Amino acid sequence: MPIYAYRCTDCGFEKDVMRKVSDPLLTTCPECKSEHFAKQLTAPGFQLKGSGWYATDFKGGGCKATDAKSDNPPPCQGGTGSCAANT
């Protein structure tokens, strides 16, 4: 279940709440009981690790990993060569 950050615009009370995506939004502040308790927009909290699609396909600026490790790196890695075509 995702964790949502809520904040009351009246009293400034903040709370992180674990809720289902299908649950209705919370609107009543648990601190001051006003109806101005709203969900905040926050950055997602995850990292891509390991040798998955990011490390193998996008991390090197679109160039193959073998090109980035060579003595003559392609332009996307600061060299004068060219990026390998997708094969």
C-alpha atoms as a PDB file:
ATOM      1  CA  MET A   1       0.000   0.000   0.000  1.00  0.00           C
ATOM      2  CA  PRO A   2       1.293   3.487  -0.790  1.00  0.00           C
ATOM      3  CA  ILE A   3       2.096   6.038   1.884  1.00  0.00           C
ATOM      4  CA  TYR A   4       0.620   9.496   1.308  1.00  0.00           C
ATOM      5  CA  ALA A   5       1.689  12.756   2.957  1.00  0.00           C
ATOM      6  CA  TYR A   6      -1.190  14.920   4.197  1.00  0.00           C
ATOM      7  CA  ARG A   7      -1.095  18.487   5.526  1.00  0.00           C
ATOM      8  CA  CYS A   8      -3.732  20.759   7.050  1.00  0.00           C
ATOM      9  CA  THR A   9      -3.732  24.226   5.501  1.00  0.00           C
ATOM     10  CA  ASP A  10      -5.384  25.706   8.613  1.00  0.00           C
ATOM     11  CA  CYS A  11      -3.157  24.481  11.461  1.00  0.00           C
ATOM     12  CA  GLY A  12      -0.143  23.092   9.540  1.00  0.00           C
ATOM     13  CA  PHE A  13      -0.471  19.581  10.998  1.00  0.00           C
ATOM     14  CA  GLU A  14       1.337  16.990   8.831  1.00  0.00           C
ATOM     15  CA  LYS A  15       0.919  13.226   8.802  1.00  0.00           C
ATOM     16  CA  ASP A  16       1.981  10.303   6.600  1.00  0.00           C
ATOM     17  CA  VAL A  17      -0.866   7.854   6.040  1.00  0.00           C
ATOM     18  CA  MET A  18      -0.796   4.359   4.544  1.00  0.00           C
ATOM     19  CA  ARG A  19      -3.893   3.953   2.364  1.00  0.00           C
ATOM     20  CA  LYS A  20      -5.101   1.871  -0.543  1.00  0.00           C
ATOM     21  CA  VAL A  21      -5.257   3.602  -3.909  1.00  0.00           C
ATOM     22  CA  SER A  22      -9.007   2.892  -3.956  1.00  0.00           C
ATOM     23  CA  ASP A  23      -9.626   4.471  -0.502  1.00  0.00           C
ATOM     24  CA  PRO A  24     -11.330   7.893  -0.486  1.00  0.00           C
ATOM     25  CA  LEU A  25      -9.190  10.956   0.221  1.00  0.00           C
ATOM     26  CA  LEU A  26      -8.932  12.170   3.808  1.00  0.00           C
ATOM     27  CA  THR A  27     -10.376  15.656   4.275  1.00  0.00           C
ATOM     28  CA  THR A  28     -10.803  16.130   8.055  1.00  0.00           C
ATOM     29  CA  CYS A  29      -7.705  17.161  10.004  1.00  0.00           C
ATOM     30  CA  PRO A  30      -7.215  14.865  13.034  1.00  0.00           C
ATOM     31  CA  GLU A  31      -5.643  17.754  14.994  1.00  0.00           C
ATOM     32  CA  CYS A  32      -7.997  20.745  14.503  1.00  0.00           C
ATOM     33  CA  LYS A  33     -10.977  18.970  12.852  1.00  0.00           C
ATOM     34  CA  SER A  34     -11.107  21.424   9.918  1.00  0.00           C
ATOM     35  CA  GLU A  35     -11.974  20.211   6.428  1.00  0.00           C
ATOM     36  CA  HIS A  36      -8.687  21.465   4.928  1.00  0.00           C
ATOM     37  CA  PHE A  37      -6.608  18.267   5.290  1.00  0.00           C
ATOM     38  CA  ALA A  38      -5.155  17.640   1.824  1.00  0.00           C
ATOM     39  CA  LYS A  39      -2.802  15.196   0.190  1.00  0.00           C
ATOM     40  CA  GLN A  40       0.596  16.680  -0.711  1.00  0.00           C
ATOM     41  CA  LEU A  41       2.562  16.081  -3.880  1.00  0.00           C
ATOM     42  CA  THR A  42       5.797  14.317  -2.924  1.00  0.00           C
ATOM     43  CA  ALA A  43       8.647  12.570  -4.723  1.00  0.00           C
ATOM     44  CA  PRO A  44       8.495   8.773  -4.866  1.00  0.00           C
ATOM     45  CA  GLY A  45      10.874   6.996  -2.534  1.00  0.00           C
ATOM     46  CA  PHE A  46      12.560   4.276  -4.572  1.00  0.00           C
ATOM     47  CA  GLN A  47      15.908   3.585  -6.231  1.00  0.00           C
ATOM     48  CA  LEU A  48      16.802   1.492  -9.239  1.00  0.00           C
ATOM     49  CA  LYS A  49      19.639  -0.869  -8.294  1.00  0.00           C
ATOM     50  CA  GLY A  50      21.324  -3.860  -9.822  1.00  0.00           C
ATOM     51  CA  SER A  51      21.834  -4.751 -13.458  1.00  0.00           C
ATOM     52  CA  GLY A  52      18.291  -4.159 -14.641  1.00  0.00           C
ATOM     53  CA  TRP A  53      17.034  -2.163 -17.612  1.00  0.00           C
ATOM     54  CA  TYR A  54      18.299   1.187 -16.284  1.00  0.00           C
ATOM     55  CA  ALA A  55      21.929   0.087 -15.866  1.00  0.00           C
ATOM     56  CA  THR A  56      22.041  -1.802 -19.144  1.00  0.00           C
ATOM     57  CA  ASP A  57      19.926   0.382 -21.438  1.00  0.00           C
ATOM     58  CA  PHE A  58      19.842   4.008 -20.248  1.00  0.00           C
ATOM     59  CA  LYS A  59      22.580   4.771 -17.718  1.00  0.00           C
ATOM     60  CA  GLY A  60      25.329   5.251 -20.326  1.00  0.00           C
ATOM     61  CA  GLY A  61      23.513   7.987 -22.263  1.00  0.00           C
ATOM     62  CA  GLY A  62      22.230   5.624 -24.936  1.00  0.00           C
ATOM     63  CA  CYS A  63      25.606   4.059 -25.777  1.00  0.00           C
ATOM     64  CA  LYS A  64      26.490   0.425 -25.280  1.00  0.00           C
ATOM     65  CA  ALA A  65      28.492  -0.376 -22.152  1.00  0.00           C
ATOM     66  CA  THR A  66      31.395  -1.752 -24.243  1.00  0.00           C
ATOM     67  CA  ASP A  67      31.765   1.601 -26.042  1.00  0.00           C
ATOM     68  CA  ALA A  68      31.887   3.498 -22.744  1.00  0.00           C
ATOM     69  CA  LYS A  69      34.725   1.288 -21.446  1.00  0.00           C
ATOM     70  CA  SER A  70      36.935   1.493 -24.556  1.00  0.00           C
ATOM     71  CA  ASP A  71      40.026   3.703 -24.979  1.00  0.00           C
ATOM     72  CA  ASN A  72      38.149   5.862 -27.514  1.00  0.00           C
ATOM     73  CA  PRO A  73      34.770   6.679 -25.889  1.00  0.00           C
ATOM     74  CA  PRO A  74      31.871   7.929 -28.054  1.00  0.00           C
ATOM     75  CA  PRO A  75      30.669  11.574 -27.958  1.00  0.00           C
ATOM     76  CA  CYS A  76      28.029  10.802 -25.369  1.00  0.00           C
ATOM     77  CA  GLN A  77      30.892   9.812 -23.036  1.00  0.00           C
ATOM     78  CA  GLY A  78      33.175  12.746 -23.912  1.00  0.00           C
ATOM     79  CA  GLY A  79      35.083  11.167 -26.806  1.00  0.00           C
ATOM     80  CA  THR A  80      35.171  11.715 -30.558  1.00  0.00           C
ATOM     81  CA  GLY A  81      33.739   8.372 -31.744  1.00  0.00           C
ATOM     82  CA  SER A  82      30.087   7.616 -32.424  1.00  0.00           C
ATOM     83  CA  CYS A  83      27.438   5.808 -30.443  1.00  0.00           C
ATOM     84  CA  ALA A  84      26.776   2.233 -31.496  1.00  0.00           C
ATOM     85  CA  ALA A  85      23.538   1.585 -33.334  1.00  0.00           C
ATOM     86  CA  ASN A  86      20.876  -0.379 -31.494  1.00  0.00           C
ATOM     87  CA  THR A  87      21.209  -4.002 -32.554  1.00  0.00           C
END
